[in-house]
C-alpha atoms as a PDB file:
ATOM      1  CA  MET A   1       0.275   0.183   0.208  1.00  0.00           C
ATOM      2  CA  ILE A   2       1.432   3.591  -1.323  1.00  0.00           C
ATOM      3  CA  ILE A   3      -0.467   6.512   0.208  1.00  0.00           C
ATOM      4  CA  ASP A   4       0.292   9.844  -1.496  1.00  0.00           C
ATOM      5  CA  VAL A   5      -0.950  13.213   0.106  1.00  0.00           C
ATOM      6  CA  HIS A   6       0.332  15.506  -2.207  1.00  0.00           C
ATOM      7  CA  SER A   7      -0.449  15.767  -5.980  1.00  0.00           C
ATOM      8  CA  HIS A   8      -1.182  17.983  -8.629  1.00  0.00           C
ATOM      9  CA  ALA A   9      -4.351  18.205 -10.851  1.00  0.00           C
ATOM     10  CA  TRP A  10      -5.258  21.577 -13.153  1.00  0.00           C
ATOM     11  CA  ASN A  11      -5.498  22.149 -16.594  1.00  0.00           C
ATOM     12  CA  PHE A  12      -2.242  23.383 -18.181  1.00  0.00           C
ATOM     13  CA  PRO A  13      -1.478  26.330 -18.935  1.00  0.00           C
ATOM     14  CA  ALA A  14      -5.525  27.785 -18.437  1.00  0.00           C
ATOM     15  CA  ASP A  15      -5.078  28.081 -14.673  1.00  0.00           C
ATOM     16  CA  PHE A  16      -1.404  29.861 -14.598  1.00  0.00           C
ATOM     17  CA  SER A  17      -0.371  33.326 -15.290  1.00  0.00           C
ATOM     18  CA  ASP A  18       2.609  33.371 -17.843  1.00  0.00           C
ATOM     19  CA  ASP A  19       5.052  35.050 -15.281  1.00  0.00           C
ATOM     20  CA  PHE A  20       4.251  31.978 -13.255  1.00  0.00           C
ATOM     21  CA  ILE A  21       5.376  29.116 -16.029  1.00  0.00           C
ATOM     22  CA  THR A  22       7.789  31.452 -16.777  1.00  0.00           C
ATOM     23  CA  GLN A  23       9.274  31.813 -13.143  1.00  0.00           C
ATOM     24  CA  ALA A  24       7.929  27.620 -12.673  1.00  0.00           C
ATOM     25  CA  GLY A  25      11.344  27.150 -15.121  1.00  0.00           C
ATOM     26  CA  ARG A  26      13.898  27.641 -11.821  1.00  0.00           C
ATOM     27  CA  ALA A  27      11.776  24.965  -9.967  1.00  0.00           C
ATOM     28  CA  ARG A  28      14.856  21.753 -10.650  1.00  0.00           C
ATOM     29  CA  PRO A  29      17.236  23.745 -12.963  1.00  0.00           C
ATOM     30  CA  GLY A  30      18.100  21.152 -15.953  1.00  0.00           C
ATOM     31  CA  VAL A  31      15.307  19.316 -15.560  1.00  0.00           C
ATOM     32  CA  LYS A  32      12.615  20.025 -17.615  1.00  0.00           C
ATOM     33  CA  VAL A  33       8.975  19.213 -16.029  1.00  0.00           C
ATOM     34  CA  ASP A  34       5.756  18.584 -18.041  1.00  0.00           C
ATOM     35  CA  MET A  35       3.073  21.071 -15.958  1.00  0.00           C
ATOM     36  CA  SER A  36       0.363  19.203 -17.770  1.00  0.00           C
ATOM     37  CA  ALA A  37      -0.101  16.714 -14.583  1.00  0.00           C
ATOM     38  CA  THR A  38      -2.565  14.471 -16.306  1.00  0.00           C
ATOM     39  CA  TYR A  39      -3.984  11.042 -14.503  1.00  0.00           C
ATOM     40  CA  GLU A  40      -2.946   9.130 -17.063  1.00  0.00           C
ATOM     41  CA  ALA A  41       0.650   9.874 -16.369  1.00  0.00           C
ATOM     42  CA  TYR A  42       0.108   9.752 -12.535  1.00  0.00           C
ATOM     43  CA  ARG A  43      -1.103   6.113 -13.038  1.00  0.00           C
ATOM     44  CA  ALA A  44       1.400   5.094 -15.981  1.00  0.00           C
ATOM     45  CA  SER A  45       4.213   5.937 -12.825  1.00  0.00           C
ATOM     46  CA  ALA A  46       2.152   4.814 -10.025  1.00  0.00           C
ATOM     47  CA  PRO A  47       2.318   1.327  -7.992  1.00  0.00           C
ATOM     48  CA  GLU A  48      -1.741  -0.676  -8.698  1.00  0.00           C
ATOM     49  CA  ASP A  49      -1.916  -0.252  -4.838  1.00  0.00           C
ATOM     50  CA  THR A  50      -1.220   3.750  -5.032  1.00  0.00           C
ATOM     51  CA  THR A  51      -4.030   6.178  -3.315  1.00  0.00           C
ATOM     52  CA  THR A  52      -4.126   9.904  -3.637  1.00  0.00           C
ATOM     53  CA  ILE A  53      -4.706  13.099  -2.499  1.00  0.00           C
ATOM     54  CA  VAL A  54      -5.171  15.381  -5.162  1.00  0.00           C
ATOM     55  CA  PHE A  55      -5.577  18.794  -5.185  1.00  0.00           C
ATOM     56  CA  GLY A  56      -4.687  21.710  -7.056  1.00  0.00           C
ATOM     57  CA  GLY A  57      -3.992  25.519  -6.121  1.00  0.00           C
ATOM     58  CA  LYS A  58      -4.860  29.010  -5.501  1.00  0.00           C
ATOM     59  CA  ALA A  59      -2.741  31.319  -4.830  1.00  0.00           C
ATOM     60  CA  LYS A  60      -3.486  35.370  -7.124  1.00  0.00           C
ATOM     61  CA  LEU A  61      -0.551  36.967  -6.437  1.00  0.00           C
ATOM     62  CA  SER A  62       1.245  34.074  -7.910  1.00  0.00           C
ATOM     63  CA  GLY A  63      -0.753  33.551 -10.666  1.00  0.00           C
ATOM     64  CA  LEU A  64      -2.448  30.151 -10.062  1.00  0.00           C
ATOM     65  CA  TRP A  65      -5.914  29.665  -9.895  1.00  0.00           C
ATOM     66  CA  VAL A  66      -7.404  26.057  -9.798  1.00  0.00           C
ATOM     67  CA  ASP A  67     -10.900  26.045  -9.695  1.00  0.00           C
ATOM     68  CA  ASP A  68     -12.123  23.628  -7.405  1.00  0.00           C
ATOM     69  CA  LYS A  69     -14.332  21.953  -9.617  1.00  0.00           C
ATOM     70  CA  THR A  70     -11.711  20.252 -10.824  1.00  0.00           C
ATOM     71  CA  ILE A  71     -10.068  18.759  -8.616  1.00  0.00           C
ATOM     72  CA  ALA A  72     -13.886  17.150  -7.951  1.00  0.00           C
ATOM     73  CA  GLU A  73     -13.702  16.011 -11.625  1.00  0.00           C
ATOM     74  CA  TYR A  74     -10.517  14.672 -11.534  1.00  0.00           C
ATOM     75  CA  VAL A  75     -11.615  13.150  -8.591  1.00  0.00           C
ATOM     76  CA  ALA A  76     -14.882  11.089  -9.499  1.00  0.00           C
ATOM     77  CA  ARG A  77     -12.376   9.393 -12.981  1.00  0.00           C
ATOM     78  CA  ASP A  78     -10.908   7.673 -10.037  1.00  0.00           C
ATOM     79  CA  ALA A  79     -12.976   7.937  -6.698  1.00  0.00           C
ATOM     80  CA  LYS A  80     -11.734   4.625  -5.050  1.00  0.00           C
ATOM     81  CA  ARG A  81      -7.946   5.983  -5.873  1.00  0.00           C
ATOM     82  CA  LEU A  82      -7.691   9.993  -5.429  1.00  0.00           C
ATOM     83  CA  ILE A  83      -9.238  11.640  -2.470  1.00  0.00           C
ATOM     84  CA  GLY A  84     -10.350  15.252  -3.383  1.00  0.00           C
ATOM     85  CA  PHE A  85      -9.179  19.099  -1.362  1.00  0.00           C
ATOM     86  CA  MET A  86      -9.944  22.171  -2.347  1.00  0.00           C
ATOM     87  CA  SER A  87      -7.418  25.310  -2.573  1.00  0.00           C
ATOM     88  CA  ILE A  88      -8.196  28.246  -0.304  1.00  0.00           C
ATOM     89  CA  ASP A  89      -6.569  31.619  -0.863  1.00  0.00           C
ATOM     90  CA  PRO A  90      -7.651  33.721   1.752  1.00  0.00           C
ATOM     91  CA  THR A  91      -6.756  37.132   0.630  1.00  0.00           C
ATOM     92  CA  GLN A  92      -9.857  36.727  -2.008  1.00  0.00           C
ATOM     93  CA  GLU A  93     -13.428  37.887  -1.427  1.00  0.00           C
ATOM     94  CA  GLY A  94     -15.460  34.640  -0.918  1.00  0.00           C
ATOM     95  CA  TRP A  95     -12.942  32.254   0.327  1.00  0.00           C
ATOM     96  CA  GLU A  96     -15.894  31.320   3.324  1.00  0.00           C
ATOM     97  CA  ARG A  97     -17.937  30.562   0.741  1.00  0.00           C
ATOM     98  CA  GLU A  98     -15.648  28.956  -1.379  1.00  0.00           C
ATOM     99  CA  LEU A  99     -14.721  26.549   1.509  1.00  0.00           C
ATOM    100  CA  ARG A 100     -18.036  26.063   2.578  1.00  0.00           C
ATOM    101  CA  VAL A 101     -18.246  24.578  -1.622  1.00  0.00           C
ATOM    102  CA  GLY A 102     -15.739  22.609  -1.619  1.00  0.00           C
ATOM    103  CA  HIS A 103     -16.640  20.570   1.147  1.00  0.00           C
ATOM    104  CA  GLU A 104     -20.380  20.729   0.897  1.00  0.00           C
ATOM    105  CA  GLU A 105     -20.920  20.400  -2.708  1.00  0.00           C
ATOM    106  CA  LEU A 106     -17.805  19.192  -4.343  1.00  0.00           C
ATOM    107  CA  GLY A 107     -17.475  17.155  -1.822  1.00  0.00           C
ATOM    108  CA  LEU A 108     -13.418  17.413  -1.295  1.00  0.00           C
ATOM    109  CA  ARG A 109     -12.284  16.192   2.101  1.00  0.00           C
ATOM    110  CA  GLY A 110     -10.004  18.371   2.985  1.00  0.00           C
ATOM    111  CA  ILE A 111      -7.869  22.409   2.165  1.00  0.00           C
ATOM    112  CA  LYS A 112      -4.410  22.842   0.532  1.00  0.00           C
ATOM    113  CA  LEU A 113      -3.416  26.365   1.608  1.00  0.00           C
ATOM    114  CA  LEU A 114      -0.049  28.239  -0.042  1.00  0.00           C
ATOM    115  CA  PRO A 115       0.928  30.926   2.489  1.00  0.00           C
ATOM    116  CA  MET A 116       4.128  32.157   0.552  1.00  0.00           C
ATOM    117  CA  TYR A 117       2.289  32.059  -2.731  1.00  0.00           C
ATOM    118  CA  ALA A 118      -1.283  33.812  -2.042  1.00  0.00           C
ATOM    119  CA  GLY A 119       0.648  35.842   0.229  1.00  0.00           C
ATOM    120  CA  PHE A 120      -0.886  35.417   3.805  1.00  0.00           C
ATOM    121  CA  SER A 121       0.469  34.104   7.207  1.00  0.00           C
ATOM    122  CA  PRO A 122      -1.244  30.806   8.475  1.00  0.00           C
ATOM    123  CA  ASP A 123      -1.052  32.015  12.072  1.00  0.00           C
ATOM    124  CA  ASP A 124      -2.884  35.362  11.037  1.00  0.00           C
ATOM    125  CA  PRO A 125      -6.468  35.693  13.089  1.00  0.00           C
ATOM    126  CA  LYS A 126      -8.489  36.214  10.171  1.00  0.00           C
ATOM    127  CA  LEU A 127      -8.228  32.807   8.763  1.00  0.00           C
ATOM    128  CA  GLU A 128      -9.421  31.690  12.504  1.00  0.00           C
ATOM    129  CA  PRO A 129     -12.820  31.431  10.211  1.00  0.00           C
ATOM    130  CA  LEU A 130     -11.613  28.088   7.671  1.00  0.00           C
ATOM    131  CA  TRP A 131      -9.816  26.548  11.247  1.00  0.00           C
ATOM    132  CA  GLN A 132     -12.678  26.222  13.516  1.00  0.00           C
ATOM    133  CA  TYR A 133     -14.409  25.096  10.235  1.00  0.00           C
ATOM    134  CA  ALA A 134     -11.710  22.838   9.082  1.00  0.00           C
ATOM    135  CA  GLU A 135     -11.693  20.936  12.702  1.00  0.00           C
ATOM    136  CA  LYS A 136     -15.961  20.690  12.905  1.00  0.00           C
ATOM    137  CA  ASN A 137     -15.428  19.112   9.698  1.00  0.00           C
ATOM    138  CA  GLY A 138     -12.237  16.694  10.225  1.00  0.00           C
ATOM    139  CA  LEU A 139     -11.138  18.420   7.566  1.00  0.00           C
ATOM    140  CA  PRO A 140      -7.208  17.695   7.285  1.00  0.00           C
ATOM    141  CA  VAL A 141      -5.348  20.761   5.971  1.00  0.00           C
ATOM    142  CA  LEU A 142      -1.995  21.118   3.630  1.00  0.00           C
ATOM    143  CA  LEU A 143       0.555  23.506   3.784  1.00  0.00           C
ATOM    144  CA  HIS A 144       2.867  24.228   1.130  1.00  0.00           C
ATOM    145  CA  MET A 145       6.011  25.212   3.683  1.00  0.00           C
ATOM    146  CA  GLY A 146       9.165  25.987   2.548  1.00  0.00           C
ATOM    147  CA  THR A 147      10.981  27.646  -1.098  1.00  0.00           C
ATOM    148  CA  THR A 148       9.526  28.307  -4.692  1.00  0.00           C
ATOM    149  CA  PHE A 149      10.832  29.444  -7.597  1.00  0.00           C
ATOM    150  CA  ILE A 150       7.727  32.763  -7.711  1.00  0.00           C
ATOM    151  CA  ALA A 151       9.663  36.243  -6.865  1.00  0.00           C
ATOM    152  CA  GLN A 152       7.303  37.231  -5.956  1.00  0.00           C
ATOM    153  CA  ALA A 153       5.732  34.974  -2.874  1.00  0.00           C
ATOM    154  CA  PRO A 154       7.280  36.068   0.068  1.00  0.00           C
ATOM    155  CA  LEU A 155       9.502  33.548   2.267  1.00  0.00           C
ATOM    156  CA  ALA A 156       8.233  35.754   5.386  1.00  0.00           C
ATOM    157  CA  PHE A 157       5.472  33.128   4.917  1.00  0.00           C
ATOM    158  CA  THR A 158       6.679  29.799   4.838  1.00  0.00           C
ATOM    159  CA  LEU A 159       8.665  29.453   7.769  1.00  0.00           C
ATOM    160  CA  PRO A 160       7.377  26.545   9.925  1.00  0.00           C
ATOM    161  CA  ARG A 161       7.004  27.672  13.074  1.00  0.00           C
ATOM    162  CA  LEU A 162       4.197  30.156  12.170  1.00  0.00           C
ATOM    163  CA  ILE A 163       1.525  27.067  12.423  1.00  0.00           C
ATOM    164  CA  GLU A 164       2.894  26.975  16.104  1.00  0.00           C
ATOM    165  CA  PRO A 165      -0.463  28.838  17.372  1.00  0.00           C
ATOM    166  CA  VAL A 166      -2.697  27.317  15.268  1.00  0.00           C
ATOM    167  CA  ALA A 167      -1.681  23.912  16.067  1.00  0.00           C
ATOM    168  CA  LEU A 168      -2.018  24.802  20.099  1.00  0.00           C
ATOM    169  CA  LYS A 169      -5.535  26.751  19.163  1.00  0.00           C
ATOM    170  CA  HIS A 170      -7.240  23.737  17.009  1.00  0.00           C
ATOM    171  CA  PRO A 171      -5.519  20.106  18.085  1.00  0.00           C
ATOM    172  CA  GLY A 172      -8.484  18.963  16.211  1.00  0.00           C
ATOM    173  CA  VAL A 173      -6.909  19.590  12.926  1.00  0.00           C
ATOM    174  CA  LYS A 174      -4.435  17.250  11.467  1.00  0.00           C
ATOM    175  CA  ILE A 175      -2.017  19.903   9.405  1.00  0.00           C
ATOM    176  CA  ILE A 176       0.617  18.349   6.464  1.00  0.00           C
ATOM    177  CA  LEU A 177       3.790  20.613   6.482  1.00  0.00           C
ATOM    178  CA  ALA A 178       4.533  19.803   2.898  1.00  0.00           C
ATOM    179  CA  HIS A 179       8.289  19.421   1.779  1.00  0.00           C
ATOM    180  CA  LEU A 180       9.526  18.834   5.128  1.00  0.00           C
ATOM    181  CA  GLY A 181       9.284  22.908   5.299  1.00  0.00           C
ATOM    182  CA  HIS A 182      12.719  22.679   2.827  1.00  0.00           C
ATOM    183  CA  PRO A 183      15.276  24.319   3.394  1.00  0.00           C
ATOM    184  CA  TYR A 184      13.943  24.707   6.968  1.00  0.00           C
ATOM    185  CA  GLU A 185      13.916  21.128   7.835  1.00  0.00           C
ATOM    186  CA  GLY A 186      14.898  21.761  12.122  1.00  0.00           C
ATOM    187  CA  GLU A 187      12.776  23.658  12.463  1.00  0.00           C
ATOM    188  CA  CYS A 188       9.892  21.941  10.651  1.00  0.00           C
ATOM    189  CA  ILE A 189      10.911  18.887  12.766  1.00  0.00           C
ATOM    190  CA  VAL A 190      10.728  20.474  15.947  1.00  0.00           C
ATOM    191  CA  THR A 191       7.400  21.316  15.066  1.00  0.00           C
ATOM    192  CA  ILE A 192       6.137  18.189  14.689  1.00  0.00           C
ATOM    193  CA  ARG A 193       7.830  16.718  17.701  1.00  0.00           C
ATOM    194  CA  LYS A 194       6.159  19.364  19.795  1.00  0.00           C
ATOM    195  CA  HIS A 195       2.833  18.911  18.406  1.00  0.00           C
ATOM    196  CA  GLU A 196       0.574  15.724  18.001  1.00  0.00           C
ATOM    197  CA  ASN A 197      -1.512  17.574  15.072  1.00  0.00           C
ATOM    198  CA  VAL A 198       1.451  18.483  13.144  1.00  0.00           C
ATOM    199  CA  PHE A 199       2.922  16.339  10.265  1.00  0.00           C
ATOM    200  CA  ALA A 200       5.568  16.787   7.507  1.00  0.00           C
ATOM    201  CA  ASP A 201       5.852  15.331   4.079  1.00  0.00           C
ATOM    202  CA  VAL A 202       8.833  14.539   2.174  1.00  0.00           C
ATOM    203  CA  SER A 203       7.433  15.513  -1.475  1.00  0.00           C
ATOM    204  CA  ALA A 204       9.609  17.424  -4.108  1.00  0.00           C
ATOM    205  CA  LEU A 205      13.024  16.062  -1.773  1.00  0.00           C
ATOM    206  CA  HIS A 206      14.726  13.348  -3.605  1.00  0.00           C
ATOM    207  CA  TYR A 207      16.344  15.109  -6.596  1.00  0.00           C
ATOM    208  CA  ARG A 208      17.832  16.894  -4.010  1.00  0.00           C
ATOM    209  CA  PRO A 209      19.685  13.702  -1.712  1.00  0.00           C
ATOM    210  CA  TRP A 210      22.148  15.525  -0.413  1.00  0.00           C
ATOM    211  CA  GLN A 211      19.859  17.489   1.401  1.00  0.00           C
ATOM    212  CA  LEU A 212      17.064  15.117   1.816  1.00  0.00           C
ATOM    213  CA  TYR A 213      19.568  11.992   3.603  1.00  0.00           C
ATOM    214  CA  ASN A 214      20.249  15.377   6.512  1.00  0.00           C
ATOM    215  CA  SER A 215      16.871  16.189   6.641  1.00  0.00           C
ATOM    216  CA  LEU A 216      15.658  12.747   7.346  1.00  0.00           C
ATOM    217  CA  MET A 217      18.954  11.795  10.018  1.00  0.00           C
ATOM    218  CA  LEU A 218      16.956  14.645  11.646  1.00  0.00           C
ATOM    219  CA  ALA A 219      13.930  13.460  11.970  1.00  0.00           C
ATOM    220  CA  GLN A 220      15.793  10.006  12.759  1.00  0.00           C
ATOM    221  CA  GLU A 221      18.220  12.020  15.783  1.00  0.00           C
ATOM    222  CA  TYR A 222      14.859  13.318  16.632  1.00  0.00           C
ATOM    223  CA  GLY A 223      12.782  10.819  17.145  1.00  0.00           C
ATOM    224  CA  VAL A 224       9.932  12.145  14.167  1.00  0.00           C
ATOM    225  CA  TRP A 225       9.888   9.242  11.716  1.00  0.00           C
ATOM    226  CA  HIS A 226       6.338   8.250  12.614  1.00  0.00           C
ATOM    227  CA  LYS A 227       5.087  11.662  12.222  1.00  0.00           C
ATOM    228  CA  LEU A 228       6.805  11.325   8.286  1.00  0.00           C
ATOM    229  CA  LEU A 229       4.032  10.965   5.318  1.00  0.00           C
ATOM    230  CA  PHE A 230       5.378   9.767   1.894  1.00  0.00           C
ATOM    231  CA  GLY A 231       3.526  12.583  -1.117  1.00  0.00           C
ATOM    232  CA  THR A 232       5.555  12.747  -4.633  1.00  0.00           C
ATOM    233  CA  ASP A 233       4.557  16.981  -5.516  1.00  0.00           C
ATOM    234  CA  PHE A 234       3.552  15.211  -9.092  1.00  0.00           C
ATOM    235  CA  PRO A 235       3.989  16.454 -11.639  1.00  0.00           C
ATOM    236  CA  PHE A 236       7.135  17.627 -10.217  1.00  0.00           C
ATOM    237  CA  THR A 237       8.020  14.206  -9.382  1.00  0.00           C
ATOM    238  CA  THR A 238       6.653  10.956  -9.509  1.00  0.00           C
ATOM    239  CA  VAL A 239       5.403   7.887  -7.202  1.00  0.00           C
ATOM    240  CA  ASN A 240       8.011   5.213  -8.565  1.00  0.00           C
ATOM    241  CA  ALA A 241      10.931   8.287  -8.510  1.00  0.00           C
ATOM    242  CA  SER A 242      10.481   9.323  -5.118  1.00  0.00           C
ATOM    243  CA  ILE A 243      10.574   5.673  -4.097  1.00  0.00           C
ATOM    244  CA  GLU A 244      13.578   4.750  -5.979  1.00  0.00           C
ATOM    245  CA  GLY A 245      15.365   8.200  -4.785  1.00  0.00           C
ATOM    246  CA  ILE A 246      14.044   7.512  -1.228  1.00  0.00           C
ATOM    247  CA  ARG A 247      15.274   4.236  -1.107  1.00  0.00           C
ATOM    248  CA  LYS A 248      18.967   5.298  -3.137  1.00  0.00           C
ATOM    249  CA  LEU A 249      20.383   7.649   0.106  1.00  0.00           C
ATOM    250  CA  ASN A 250      22.369   5.309   1.881  1.00  0.00           C
ATOM    251  CA  ASP A 251      23.807   4.245  -1.483  1.00  0.00           C
ATOM    252  CA  MET A 252      25.716   7.731  -2.028  1.00  0.00           C
ATOM    253  CA  LEU A 253      27.757   7.233   1.667  1.00  0.00           C
ATOM    254  CA  GLU A 254      29.452   3.767   0.523  1.00  0.00           C
ATOM    255  CA  GLY A 255      33.145   3.746   1.876  1.00  0.00           C
ATOM    256  CA  ALA A 256      32.532   6.710   4.416  1.00  0.00           C
ATOM    257  CA  LYS A 257      31.691   6.452   7.899  1.00  0.00           C
ATOM    258  CA  LEU A 258      28.339   8.339   8.146  1.00  0.00           C
ATOM    259  CA  PRO A 259      25.172   7.572   9.919  1.00  0.00           C
ATOM    260  CA  ARG A 260      22.442   5.035   7.925  1.00  0.00           C
ATOM    261  CA  LEU A 261      19.037   6.098   7.880  1.00  0.00           C
ATOM    262  CA  ASP A 262      16.871   3.278   9.305  1.00  0.00           C
ATOM    263  CA  VAL A 263      16.584   1.366   6.732  1.00  0.00           C
ATOM    264  CA  ASN A 264      12.992  -0.049   7.993  1.00  0.00           C
ATOM    265  CA  GLN A 265      12.060   3.379   8.939  1.00  0.00           C
ATOM    266  CA  VAL A 266      12.332   4.393   5.471  1.00  0.00           C
ATOM    267  CA  GLU A 267      10.423   1.097   4.147  1.00  0.00           C
ATOM    268  CA  ALA A 268       7.649   2.013   7.493  1.00  0.00           C
ATOM    269  CA  MET A 269       6.781   5.777   6.092  1.00  0.00           C
ATOM    270  CA  ILE A 270       6.931   4.571   2.124  1.00  0.00           C
ATOM    271  CA  HIS A 271       3.653   2.455   3.104  1.00  0.00           C
ATOM    272  CA  ARG A 272       2.804   4.201   6.042  1.00  0.00           C
ATOM    273  CA  ASP A 273      -0.994   4.586   5.804  1.00  0.00           C
ATOM    274  CA  SER A 274      -1.374   7.944   6.667  1.00  0.00           C
ATOM    275  CA  LEU A 275      -5.153   8.253   5.974  1.00  0.00           C
ATOM    276  CA  LYS A 276      -5.925   7.136   9.103  1.00  0.00           C
ATOM    277  CA  LEU A 277      -3.153   9.691  10.836  1.00  0.00           C
ATOM    278  CA  LEU A 278      -5.287  12.091   9.073  1.00  0.00           C
ATOM    279  CA  GLY A 279      -8.628  11.085  10.210  1.00  0.00           C
ATOM    280  CA  LEU A 280      -9.509  10.341   6.209  1.00  0.00           C
ATOM    281  CA  THR A 281     -11.119   6.831   5.283  1.00  0.00           C
ATOM    282  CA  ARG A 282     -11.028   5.527   1.311  1.00  0.00           C
ATOM    283  CA  THR A 283     -14.574   5.172  -0.470  1.00  0.00           C
END
């Protein structure tokens, strides 16, 4: 069983500004990423038993806007293996209505936030209705944390520590910090260690193997392997490539006296039942 907690669907290029597409060329230097994000491409690069959380994204500041109906339609293609999350940009009018529509009418089962891309802090008091709604309705919330290729997206809003006031006030909300907060992995790891309801995913990291090795070694030393969730960040990478990359991390240490990642913990992370941890069920 594989649970991918971090994948994307959208209409490319229609859901992006020209500026976003141009800047996205910095995402993986030397690699031309196909951002079309079709389900056929996803399934062709994932094991049959993969269950996937999928979302789009809303961030007017950065030039990204995926209608939640796009995600609902995508999920309907394979409802047994797909779980859809809505996206919210709380800097835009009508976001509270979109929150209710996404859950109550479209049947989406979680929330994706892009604080840095949209230009807001996750601990802003204006978001209190969102956190209350998520807690009341059992909706997990996944937040982009860490770096970006978009120049106008403020780094000040992407620090993992910003989620702490929310985690304390709303212990019933399952929160996922994406990408292990890179390059702020240490801050991310001490944050998830402190708060029972906060997790991190390891998406979009395997193609920076030295960085990921160090990050997972920090998780090992802090004793938080159990708080790490497998994810990909498709279409920027795939399930198969992510698993292969994670499993090969110890290989680059051959001939060195550096400590090794616990292979049993690596496999446990890859096969973790993240849905159970997040309070989600398969349909």
